[in-house]
Amino acid sequence: MILGISLAIVAGAFIGLQNIFNRHLNEQVSSWFATAFVLLTGSMASLLIGFLFQGSDIFDISGMKRSYWFFGLVGVGVIYSMIQAMHRLGPTKTVLISIIAQLTFSLIFDVTGFLSLPKVELKWEDIVGVVSIIVGVIIFNARKKGQVEQAK
């Protein structure tokens, strides 16, 4: 469990960094080129690192379903949407809103068994947790907005 928590924290840090890098990249090139560039460089790095750790086994796709070939489109949607949101909202609001959306949709996917996930029972604690995070974000943004107005 500790390893899982540690990896989730590292993933969160990488997502925050990736969003900042994407924003800077988007200032130099179009959003679509930035999306393609991020996916291409990420794919190349993933293949290289995978090959180093697993050898040629990473290329065994014999058990892969045909539908999985389209899952990369989701990655395009993620990167393009985050680049655009970052440009319009800034890093903090983009990450906060995307985290709320991730939690909300993940809860919906778990409860409904979306895409063959094992169904999870919805508990009131789940709803309270998501609502608490949303309220926290609203308070965070209201406090930040007040600090900006006081600085003027």
C-alpha atoms as a PDB file:
ATOM      1  CA  MET A   1       0.000   0.000   0.000  1.00  0.00           C
ATOM      2  CA  ILE A   2       2.831   2.399   0.820  1.00  0.00           C
ATOM      3  CA  LEU A   3       4.354   1.805  -2.608  1.00  0.00           C
ATOM      4  CA  GLY A   4       0.978   2.524  -4.248  1.00  0.00           C
ATOM      5  CA  ILE A   5       0.578   5.767  -2.309  1.00  0.00           C
ATOM      6  CA  SER A   6       4.149   6.776  -3.150  1.00  0.00           C
ATOM      7  CA  LEU A   7       3.605   6.077  -6.843  1.00  0.00           C
ATOM      8  CA  ALA A   8       0.350   8.068  -6.804  1.00  0.00           C
ATOM      9  CA  ILE A   9       2.186  11.026  -5.261  1.00  0.00           C
ATOM     10  CA  VAL A  10       4.933  10.762  -7.889  1.00  0.00           C
ATOM     11  CA  ALA A  11       2.266  10.591 -10.614  1.00  0.00           C
ATOM     12  CA  GLY A  12       0.638  13.732  -9.231  1.00  0.00           C
ATOM     13  CA  ALA A  13       3.967  15.549  -9.267  1.00  0.00           C
ATOM     14  CA  PHE A  14       4.606  14.419 -12.848  1.00  0.00           C
ATOM     15  CA  ILE A  15       1.136  15.562 -13.924  1.00  0.00           C
ATOM     16  CA  GLY A  16       1.758  18.998 -12.401  1.00  0.00           C
ATOM     17  CA  LEU A  17       5.120  19.249 -14.173  1.00  0.00           C
ATOM     18  CA  GLN A  18       3.703  17.956 -17.451  1.00  0.00           C
ATOM     19  CA  ASN A  19       0.994  20.602 -17.409  1.00  0.00           C
ATOM     20  CA  ILE A  20       3.548  23.367 -16.930  1.00  0.00           C
ATOM     21  CA  PHE A  21       5.770  21.973 -19.693  1.00  0.00           C
ATOM     22  CA  ASN A  22       2.752  21.667 -21.990  1.00  0.00           C
ATOM     23  CA  ARG A  23       1.798  25.274 -21.343  1.00  0.00           C
ATOM     24  CA  HIS A  24       5.290  26.536 -22.187  1.00  0.00           C
ATOM     25  CA  LEU A  25       5.403  24.368 -25.298  1.00  0.00           C
ATOM     26  CA  ASN A  26       2.027  25.703 -26.396  1.00  0.00           C
ATOM     27  CA  GLU A  27       3.396  29.249 -26.219  1.00  0.00           C
ATOM     28  CA  GLN A  28       5.912  28.312 -28.936  1.00  0.00           C
ATOM     29  CA  VAL A  29       3.857  26.049 -31.225  1.00  0.00           C
ATOM     30  CA  SER A  30       0.208  25.244 -31.948  1.00  0.00           C
ATOM     31  CA  SER A  31      -1.795  23.187 -29.466  1.00  0.00           C
ATOM     32  CA  TRP A  32      -2.133  20.330 -31.924  1.00  0.00           C
ATOM     33  CA  PHE A  33       1.598  20.183 -32.590  1.00  0.00           C
ATOM     34  CA  ALA A  34       2.267  20.373 -28.841  1.00  0.00           C
ATOM     35  CA  THR A  35      -0.120  17.451 -28.282  1.00  0.00           C
ATOM     36  CA  ALA A  36       1.521  15.386 -31.016  1.00  0.00           C
ATOM     37  CA  PHE A  37       5.004  16.281 -29.772  1.00  0.00           C
ATOM     38  CA  VAL A  38       4.199  15.282 -26.180  1.00  0.00           C
ATOM     39  CA  LEU A  39       2.630  11.995 -27.270  1.00  0.00           C
ATOM     40  CA  LEU A  40       5.452  11.198 -29.693  1.00  0.00           C
ATOM     41  CA  THR A  41       8.274  11.938 -27.266  1.00  0.00           C
ATOM     42  CA  GLY A  42       6.414  10.116 -24.487  1.00  0.00           C
ATOM     43  CA  SER A  43       5.878   7.099 -26.738  1.00  0.00           C
ATOM     44  CA  MET A  44       9.521   6.987 -27.745  1.00  0.00           C
ATOM     45  CA  ALA A  45      10.687   7.270 -24.132  1.00  0.00           C
ATOM     46  CA  SER A  46       8.186   4.630 -23.008  1.00  0.00           C
ATOM     47  CA  LEU A  47       9.306   2.184 -25.706  1.00  0.00           C
ATOM     48  CA  LEU A  48      12.974   2.750 -24.934  1.00  0.00           C
ATOM     49  CA  ILE A  49      12.583   2.372 -21.160  1.00  0.00           C
ATOM     50  CA  GLY A  50      10.247  -0.601 -21.619  1.00  0.00           C
ATOM     51  CA  PHE A  51      12.722  -2.273 -23.954  1.00  0.00           C
ATOM     52  CA  LEU A  52      15.538  -1.726 -21.457  1.00  0.00           C
ATOM     53  CA  PHE A  53      13.542  -3.251 -18.586  1.00  0.00           C
ATOM     54  CA  GLN A  54      11.541  -5.967 -20.390  1.00  0.00           C
ATOM     55  CA  GLY A  55      13.408  -6.622 -23.576  1.00  0.00           C
ATOM     56  CA  SER A  56      11.539  -7.563 -26.716  1.00  0.00           C
ATOM     57  CA  ASP A  57       8.565  -8.879 -24.660  1.00  0.00           C
ATOM     58  CA  ILE A  58       7.099  -5.371 -24.708  1.00  0.00           C
ATOM     59  CA  PHE A  59       6.280  -5.863 -28.383  1.00  0.00           C
ATOM     60  CA  ASP A  60       4.100  -8.937 -27.768  1.00  0.00           C
ATOM     61  CA  ILE A  61       0.592  -7.664 -28.544  1.00  0.00           C
ATOM     62  CA  SER A  62      -0.946 -11.056 -29.282  1.00  0.00           C
ATOM     63  CA  GLY A  63      -3.426 -10.813 -26.400  1.00  0.00           C
ATOM     64  CA  MET A  64      -4.458  -7.238 -27.051  1.00  0.00           C
ATOM     65  CA  LYS A  65      -8.056  -6.525 -28.039  1.00  0.00           C
ATOM     66  CA  ARG A  66      -8.651  -4.503 -31.211  1.00  0.00           C
ATOM     67  CA  SER A  67     -10.525  -1.825 -29.295  1.00  0.00           C
ATOM     68  CA  TYR A  68      -7.359  -0.976 -27.357  1.00  0.00           C
ATOM     69  CA  TRP A  69      -5.888   0.577 -30.492  1.00  0.00           C
ATOM     70  CA  PHE A  70      -8.311   3.465 -30.032  1.00  0.00           C
ATOM     71  CA  PHE A  71      -7.449   4.163 -26.392  1.00  0.00           C
ATOM     72  CA  GLY A  72      -4.621   6.445 -27.493  1.00  0.00           C
ATOM     73  CA  LEU A  73      -7.315   8.857 -28.643  1.00  0.00           C
ATOM     74  CA  VAL A  74      -8.148   9.376 -24.988  1.00  0.00           C
ATOM     75  CA  GLY A  75      -4.548  10.479 -24.424  1.00  0.00           C
ATOM     76  CA  VAL A  76      -4.890  13.016 -27.227  1.00  0.00           C
ATOM     77  CA  GLY A  77      -8.010  14.357 -25.544  1.00  0.00           C
ATOM     78  CA  VAL A  78      -6.278  14.573 -22.177  1.00  0.00           C
ATOM     79  CA  ILE A  79      -3.219  16.424 -23.405  1.00  0.00           C
ATOM     80  CA  TYR A  80      -5.038  18.790 -25.766  1.00  0.00           C
ATOM     81  CA  SER A  81      -7.692  19.636 -23.159  1.00  0.00           C
ATOM     82  CA  MET A  82      -5.108  20.217 -20.440  1.00  0.00           C
ATOM     83  CA  ILE A  83      -3.025  22.463 -22.710  1.00  0.00           C
ATOM     84  CA  GLN A  84      -6.071  24.540 -23.601  1.00  0.00           C
ATOM     85  CA  ALA A  85      -7.319  24.720 -20.005  1.00  0.00           C
ATOM     86  CA  MET A  86      -3.864  25.652 -18.727  1.00  0.00           C
ATOM     87  CA  HIS A  87      -3.709  28.483 -21.266  1.00  0.00           C
ATOM     88  CA  ARG A  88      -7.085  29.825 -20.148  1.00  0.00           C
ATOM     89  CA  LEU A  89      -7.102  29.084 -16.405  1.00  0.00           C
ATOM     90  CA  GLY A  90      -3.492  28.712 -15.312  1.00  0.00           C
ATOM     91  CA  PRO A  91      -1.847  25.702 -13.675  1.00  0.00           C
ATOM     92  CA  THR A  92      -3.543  25.653 -10.272  1.00  0.00           C
ATOM     93  CA  LYS A  93      -7.152  25.948 -11.418  1.00  0.00           C
ATOM     94  CA  THR A  94      -6.589  23.512 -14.275  1.00  0.00           C
ATOM     95  CA  VAL A  95      -5.153  20.845 -11.991  1.00  0.00           C
ATOM     96  CA  LEU A  96      -7.779  21.399  -9.295  1.00  0.00           C
ATOM     97  CA  ILE A  97     -10.686  21.187 -11.711  1.00  0.00           C
ATOM     98  CA  SER A  98      -9.207  18.167 -13.477  1.00  0.00           C
ATOM     99  CA  ILE A  99      -8.730  16.395 -10.130  1.00  0.00           C
ATOM    100  CA  ILE A 100     -12.368  17.015  -9.228  1.00  0.00           C
ATOM    101  CA  ALA A 101     -13.417  15.700 -12.636  1.00  0.00           C
ATOM    102  CA  GLN A 102     -11.145  12.644 -12.281  1.00  0.00           C
ATOM    103  CA  LEU A 103     -12.563  11.803  -8.859  1.00  0.00           C
ATOM    104  CA  THR A 104     -16.147  12.321  -9.942  1.00  0.00           C
ATOM    105  CA  PHE A 105     -15.868  10.296 -13.146  1.00  0.00           C
ATOM    106  CA  SER A 106     -13.788   7.574 -11.495  1.00  0.00           C
ATOM    107  CA  LEU A 107     -16.487   7.206  -8.851  1.00  0.00           C
ATOM    108  CA  ILE A 108     -19.168   7.016 -11.543  1.00  0.00           C
ATOM    109  CA  PHE A 109     -17.116   4.457 -13.517  1.00  0.00           C
ATOM    110  CA  ASP A 110     -16.536   2.336 -10.392  1.00  0.00           C
ATOM    111  CA  VAL A 111     -20.190   2.395  -9.348  1.00  0.00           C
ATOM    112  CA  THR A 112     -21.541   1.616 -12.829  1.00  0.00           C
ATOM    113  CA  GLY A 113     -18.894  -0.936 -13.797  1.00  0.00           C
ATOM    114  CA  PHE A 114     -18.073   1.124 -16.891  1.00  0.00           C
ATOM    115  CA  LEU A 115     -15.974  -0.696 -19.534  1.00  0.00           C
ATOM    116  CA  SER A 116     -16.179  -3.990 -17.622  1.00  0.00           C
ATOM    117  CA  LEU A 117     -14.759  -2.643 -14.366  1.00  0.00           C
ATOM    118  CA  PRO A 118     -15.879  -4.571 -11.306  1.00  0.00           C
ATOM    119  CA  LYS A 119     -18.810  -2.676  -9.801  1.00  0.00           C
ATOM    120  CA  VAL A 120     -18.130  -0.989  -6.487  1.00  0.00           C
ATOM    121  CA  GLU A 121     -20.849  -0.175  -3.993  1.00  0.00           C
ATOM    122  CA  LEU A 122     -21.469   3.572  -3.609  1.00  0.00           C
ATOM    123  CA  LYS A 123     -21.098   4.646   0.012  1.00  0.00           C
ATOM    124  CA  TRP A 124     -22.111   7.930   1.529  1.00  0.00           C
ATOM    125  CA  GLU A 125     -18.468   8.460   2.523  1.00  0.00           C
ATOM    126  CA  ASP A 126     -17.532   8.522  -1.181  1.00  0.00           C
ATOM    127  CA  ILE A 127     -20.007  11.285  -1.901  1.00  0.00           C
ATOM    128  CA  VAL A 128     -18.983  13.263   1.200  1.00  0.00           C
ATOM    129  CA  GLY A 129     -15.331  12.938   0.153  1.00  0.00           C
ATOM    130  CA  VAL A 130     -15.914  14.268  -3.359  1.00  0.00           C
ATOM    131  CA  VAL A 131     -18.160  17.088  -2.106  1.00  0.00           C
ATOM    132  CA  SER A 132     -15.534  17.999   0.537  1.00  0.00           C
ATOM    133  CA  ILE A 133     -12.868  18.290  -2.127  1.00  0.00           C
ATOM    134  CA  ILE A 134     -15.126  20.464  -4.278  1.00  0.00           C
ATOM    135  CA  VAL A 135     -15.904  22.736  -1.304  1.00  0.00           C
ATOM    136  CA  GLY A 136     -12.170  22.894  -0.513  1.00  0.00           C
ATOM    137  CA  VAL A 137     -11.398  23.991  -4.052  1.00  0.00           C
ATOM    138  CA  ILE A 138     -14.079  26.672  -3.906  1.00  0.00           C
ATOM    139  CA  ILE A 139     -12.648  27.961  -0.615  1.00  0.00           C
ATOM    140  CA  PHE A 140      -9.108  27.812  -2.011  1.00  0.00           C
ATOM    141  CA  ASN A 141     -10.095  29.823  -5.087  1.00  0.00           C
ATOM    142  CA  ALA A 142     -12.142  32.334  -3.068  1.00  0.00           C
ATOM    143  CA  ARG A 143      -9.210  32.908  -0.700  1.00  0.00           C
ATOM    144  CA  LYS A 144      -6.794  33.356  -3.609  1.00  0.00           C
ATOM    145  CA  LYS A 145      -9.189  35.756  -5.324  1.00  0.00           C
ATOM    146  CA  GLY A 146      -9.471  37.800  -2.120  1.00  0.00           C
ATOM    147  CA  GLN A 147      -5.679  38.004  -1.800  1.00  0.00           C
ATOM    148  CA  VAL A 148      -5.401  39.268  -5.385  1.00  0.00           C
ATOM    149  CA  GLU A 149      -8.042  41.948  -4.772  1.00  0.00           C
ATOM    150  CA  GLN A 150      -6.280  43.086  -1.555  1.00  0.00           C
ATOM    151  CA  ALA A 151      -2.994  43.404  -3.457  1.00  0.00           C
ATOM    152  CA  LYS A 152      -4.603  45.899  -5.859  1.00  0.00           C
END
